[in-house]
Amino acid sequence: MAAPKNTEFDIRGVNHIALVCKDMAKTVEFYRDVLGMPLIKTIDLPGGHGQHFFFDIGNGDSLAFFWFPNSPAAAPGIAAPSQLPGGGDIASAHGSMNHLAFNISPDKFDEYVDKLRAKGIKLGPVLNHDNSPSQVSAEVTDDVFVRSVYFWDPDGVMLEFAAWTHKGFTEKDVAHEAVDDKGRKSRPVVLQPALEAAK
């Protein structure tokens, strides 16, 4: 299968994702000092409306945080999940950001899990996602397509270190009908025209 290509817009990855924090100082300590992400731009918003800080996450992409003096309190189970995968319900509200996954090398996955633990970060279980009925394998097999470990930031944002292990997705990896707002399978999944033409 040819590599998927956006034929509508030349999108070059994520410029930045903007989240909201309660304490910018703690956010800097966690993302810069614990996770090692360089702090590359800081902004004090005009009129005392808050701050906007940017961290480099690699490949020219950034993770940004706002601090607003009037932000409502966090709402776990609504604006974000209340549990890590493997520990309970991970649902969050429509329009919310469920979690943010950072791409890491599969060769570094186990080393980075150990490093996070050594830094005192409480982790969920390591999940080897596969195509089995349970969708998780205890071992890394040829069917595992991504390895994941999840953890929280200081504001309860669910983060993930994810390592792709697949050798390339094929048509069989796009095989489920999309559900409607009632959970009924209602939209057949078809190949994008660009993929169809590349066959």
Protein backbone atom coordinates (compact mmCIF):
# COMPACT_ATOMS: atom_id res chain seq x y z
CA MET A 1 0.00 0.00 0.00
CA ALA A 2 1.30 3.45 -0.89
CA ALA A 3 1.95 5.84 1.99
CA PRO A 4 -1.19 7.84 2.84
CA LYS A 5 -1.01 11.43 1.57
CA ASN A 6 -3.17 14.46 2.21
CA THR A 7 -4.21 15.72 -1.24
CA GLU A 8 -6.17 18.71 0.12
CA PHE A 9 -3.65 20.55 2.36
CA ASP A 10 0.12 20.39 2.84
CA ILE A 11 -0.08 19.88 6.62
CA ARG A 12 3.36 19.46 8.13
CA GLY A 13 2.60 17.89 11.48
CA VAL A 14 1.54 19.70 14.64
CA ASN A 15 2.65 23.31 15.01
CA HIS A 16 1.52 23.29 18.64
CA ILE A 17 -1.12 21.91 20.96
CA ALA A 18 -2.32 24.39 23.59
CA LEU A 19 -3.44 23.17 27.02
CA VAL A 20 -4.38 25.06 30.19
CA CYS A 21 -2.51 24.72 33.48
CA LYS A 22 -3.22 25.79 37.06
CA ASP A 23 0.40 26.66 37.96
CA MET A 24 2.82 27.66 35.19
CA ALA A 25 5.85 27.28 37.49
CA LYS A 26 4.94 23.63 38.24
CA THR A 27 4.24 23.07 34.55
CA VAL A 28 7.72 24.31 33.64
CA GLU A 29 9.27 22.15 36.36
CA PHE A 30 7.48 19.06 35.02
CA TYR A 31 7.85 19.48 31.24
CA ARG A 32 11.29 21.15 31.16
CA ASP A 33 12.99 19.72 34.24
CA VAL A 34 11.43 16.23 34.47
CA LEU A 35 10.58 15.38 30.85
CA GLY A 36 13.47 17.45 29.43
CA MET A 37 11.47 19.49 26.89
CA PRO A 38 13.23 22.80 26.15
CA LEU A 39 11.21 25.91 27.04
CA ILE A 40 11.46 27.91 23.81
CA LYS A 41 9.04 30.86 24.11
CA THR A 42 7.29 32.64 26.98
CA ILE A 43 4.54 35.25 26.67
CA ASP A 44 2.84 37.40 29.30
CA LEU A 45 -0.59 38.09 27.81
CA PRO A 46 -1.53 41.78 27.65
CA GLY A 47 -3.76 43.32 30.30
CA GLY A 48 -2.91 40.72 32.95
CA HIS A 49 -4.87 38.04 31.08
CA GLY A 50 -2.36 35.29 31.81
CA GLN A 51 0.65 33.57 30.27
CA HIS A 52 1.39 31.39 27.22
CA PHE A 53 4.55 29.21 27.28
CA PHE A 54 5.87 26.88 24.56
CA PHE A 55 7.98 23.71 24.91
CA ASP A 56 9.84 21.99 22.05
CA ILE A 57 8.64 18.39 21.58
CA GLY A 58 10.80 17.54 18.55
CA ASN A 59 10.43 17.71 14.76
CA GLY A 60 9.69 21.45 14.94
CA ASP A 61 6.49 20.78 16.92
CA SER A 62 5.57 22.43 20.22
CA LEU A 63 3.44 21.85 23.28
CA ALA A 64 2.02 25.09 24.66
CA PHE A 65 0.30 25.99 27.93
CA PHE A 66 -1.95 28.85 28.87
CA TRP A 67 -2.34 30.07 32.42
CA PHE A 68 -5.48 32.16 32.93
CA PRO A 69 -6.20 33.88 36.27
CA ASN A 70 -9.92 33.01 35.97
CA SER A 71 -9.81 29.40 34.73
CA PRO A 72 -12.34 26.99 36.22
CA ALA A 73 -11.01 24.04 38.23
CA ALA A 74 -10.07 20.79 36.51
CA ALA A 75 -12.95 18.42 35.74
CA PRO A 76 -11.63 14.82 35.66
CA GLY A 77 -14.12 12.53 33.96
CA ILE A 78 -15.49 15.47 31.95
CA ALA A 79 -12.74 17.59 30.40
CA ALA A 80 -10.19 14.78 30.76
CA PRO A 81 -10.21 11.11 31.77
CA SER A 82 -10.38 10.29 35.46
CA GLN A 83 -8.34 7.06 35.14
CA LEU A 84 -5.33 5.81 33.20
CA PRO A 85 -5.87 3.00 30.65
CA GLY A 86 -5.80 -0.32 32.46
CA GLY A 87 -7.04 1.33 35.67
CA GLY A 88 -10.66 2.23 34.93
CA ASP A 89 -12.93 4.37 32.79
CA ILE A 90 -11.01 6.62 30.37
CA ALA A 91 -14.04 8.43 28.86
CA SER A 92 -14.06 12.21 28.58
CA ALA A 93 -16.54 14.75 27.16
CA HIS A 94 -17.18 15.52 23.51
CA GLY A 95 -14.66 18.10 22.32
CA SER A 96 -12.22 17.31 25.13
CA MET A 97 -8.63 16.22 24.66
CA ASN A 98 -8.49 12.68 26.03
CA HIS A 99 -4.70 12.37 26.09
CA LEU A 100 -1.50 13.48 24.39
CA ALA A 101 0.89 10.82 23.07
CA PHE A 102 4.56 11.56 22.49
CA ASN A 103 6.20 9.44 19.79
CA ILE A 104 9.32 7.61 20.96
CA SER A 105 11.60 5.01 19.40
CA PRO A 106 10.63 1.36 20.01
CA ASP A 107 14.31 0.72 20.81
CA LYS A 108 14.11 3.20 23.72
CA PHE A 109 10.66 2.23 25.06
CA ASP A 110 11.68 0.01 28.00
CA GLU A 111 14.57 2.32 28.92
CA TYR A 112 12.22 5.32 29.00
CA VAL A 113 9.63 3.48 31.12
CA ASP A 114 12.39 2.78 33.67
CA LYS A 115 13.58 6.39 33.47
CA LEU A 116 10.07 7.76 34.14
CA ARG A 117 9.76 5.45 37.17
CA ALA A 118 13.18 6.56 38.44
CA LYS A 119 11.96 10.17 38.25
CA GLY A 120 9.07 9.27 40.56
CA ILE A 121 6.32 9.40 37.94
CA LYS A 122 3.43 7.05 38.70
CA LEU A 123 2.77 5.01 35.56
CA GLY A 124 -0.10 2.90 34.36
CA PRO A 125 0.68 -0.59 33.05
CA VAL A 126 2.73 -0.99 29.88
CA LEU A 127 0.26 -1.87 27.11
CA ASN A 128 1.33 -3.78 24.00
CA HIS A 129 -1.59 -2.97 21.67
CA ASP A 130 -2.41 -5.71 19.18
CA ASN A 131 -5.32 -7.03 17.07
CA SER A 132 -6.41 -9.75 19.52
CA PRO A 133 -9.91 -9.71 21.09
CA SER A 134 -8.50 -8.08 24.25
CA GLN A 135 -6.40 -5.69 22.07
CA VAL A 136 -3.45 -6.08 24.47
CA SER A 137 -0.66 -8.64 24.55
CA ALA A 138 1.42 -9.55 27.60
CA GLU A 139 4.41 -10.00 25.27
CA VAL A 140 5.70 -8.03 22.30
CA THR A 141 4.65 -10.15 19.31
CA ASP A 142 4.60 -9.57 15.55
CA ASP A 143 0.93 -8.52 15.94
CA VAL A 144 1.73 -5.64 18.35
CA PHE A 145 1.49 -2.36 16.43
CA VAL A 146 2.21 0.15 19.22
CA ARG A 147 3.57 0.01 22.79
CA SER A 148 2.21 2.52 25.30
CA VAL A 149 2.66 3.72 28.85
CA TYR A 150 0.41 6.41 30.35
CA PHE A 151 0.91 8.94 33.17
CA TRP A 152 -0.40 12.26 34.48
CA ASP A 153 1.05 15.75 34.35
CA PRO A 154 0.59 18.09 37.37
CA ASP A 155 -2.85 19.22 36.12
CA GLY A 156 -4.23 15.77 35.40
CA VAL A 157 -3.50 15.83 31.66
CA MET A 158 -3.10 12.22 30.55
CA LEU A 159 0.21 11.77 28.72
CA GLU A 160 1.49 8.74 26.83
CA PHE A 161 4.86 7.60 25.56
CA ALA A 162 3.99 5.61 22.43
CA ALA A 163 6.29 3.59 20.17
CA TRP A 164 5.04 2.33 16.80
CA THR A 165 6.25 -1.23 16.20
CA HIS A 166 4.37 -2.04 12.97
CA LYS A 167 6.07 -2.47 9.62
CA GLY A 168 3.46 -0.32 7.85
CA PHE A 169 -0.31 -0.23 7.92
CA THR A 170 -2.32 -1.83 5.10
CA GLU A 171 -5.93 -1.75 3.90
CA LYS A 172 -6.84 -4.42 6.48
CA ASP A 173 -5.99 -1.95 9.26
CA VAL A 174 -8.91 0.27 8.18
CA ALA A 175 -11.75 -2.20 8.65
CA HIS A 176 -14.43 -0.90 11.03
CA GLU A 177 -17.62 0.99 10.34
CA ALA A 178 -17.87 4.35 12.07
CA VAL A 179 -20.64 4.73 14.67
CA ASP A 180 -23.20 7.53 14.89
CA ASP A 181 -24.09 9.56 17.99
CA LYS A 182 -26.11 6.62 19.35
CA GLY A 183 -23.23 4.14 18.95
CA ARG A 184 -24.78 2.40 15.94
CA LYS A 185 -22.42 1.33 13.18
CA SER A 186 -23.63 3.47 10.33
CA ARG A 187 -20.80 4.68 8.10
CA PRO A 188 -18.92 2.23 5.89
CA VAL A 189 -15.22 2.95 5.83
CA VAL A 190 -13.94 3.39 2.29
CA LEU A 191 -10.47 4.08 1.02
CA GLN A 192 -9.59 7.69 0.39
CA PRO A 193 -9.54 8.48 -3.35
CA ALA A 194 -5.77 9.07 -3.24
CA LEU A 195 -5.23 5.61 -1.71
CA GLU A 196 -7.59 4.00 -4.19
CA ALA A 197 -5.69 5.60 -7.10
CA ALA A 198 -2.35 4.43 -5.69
CA LYS A 199 -3.42 0.77 -5.69
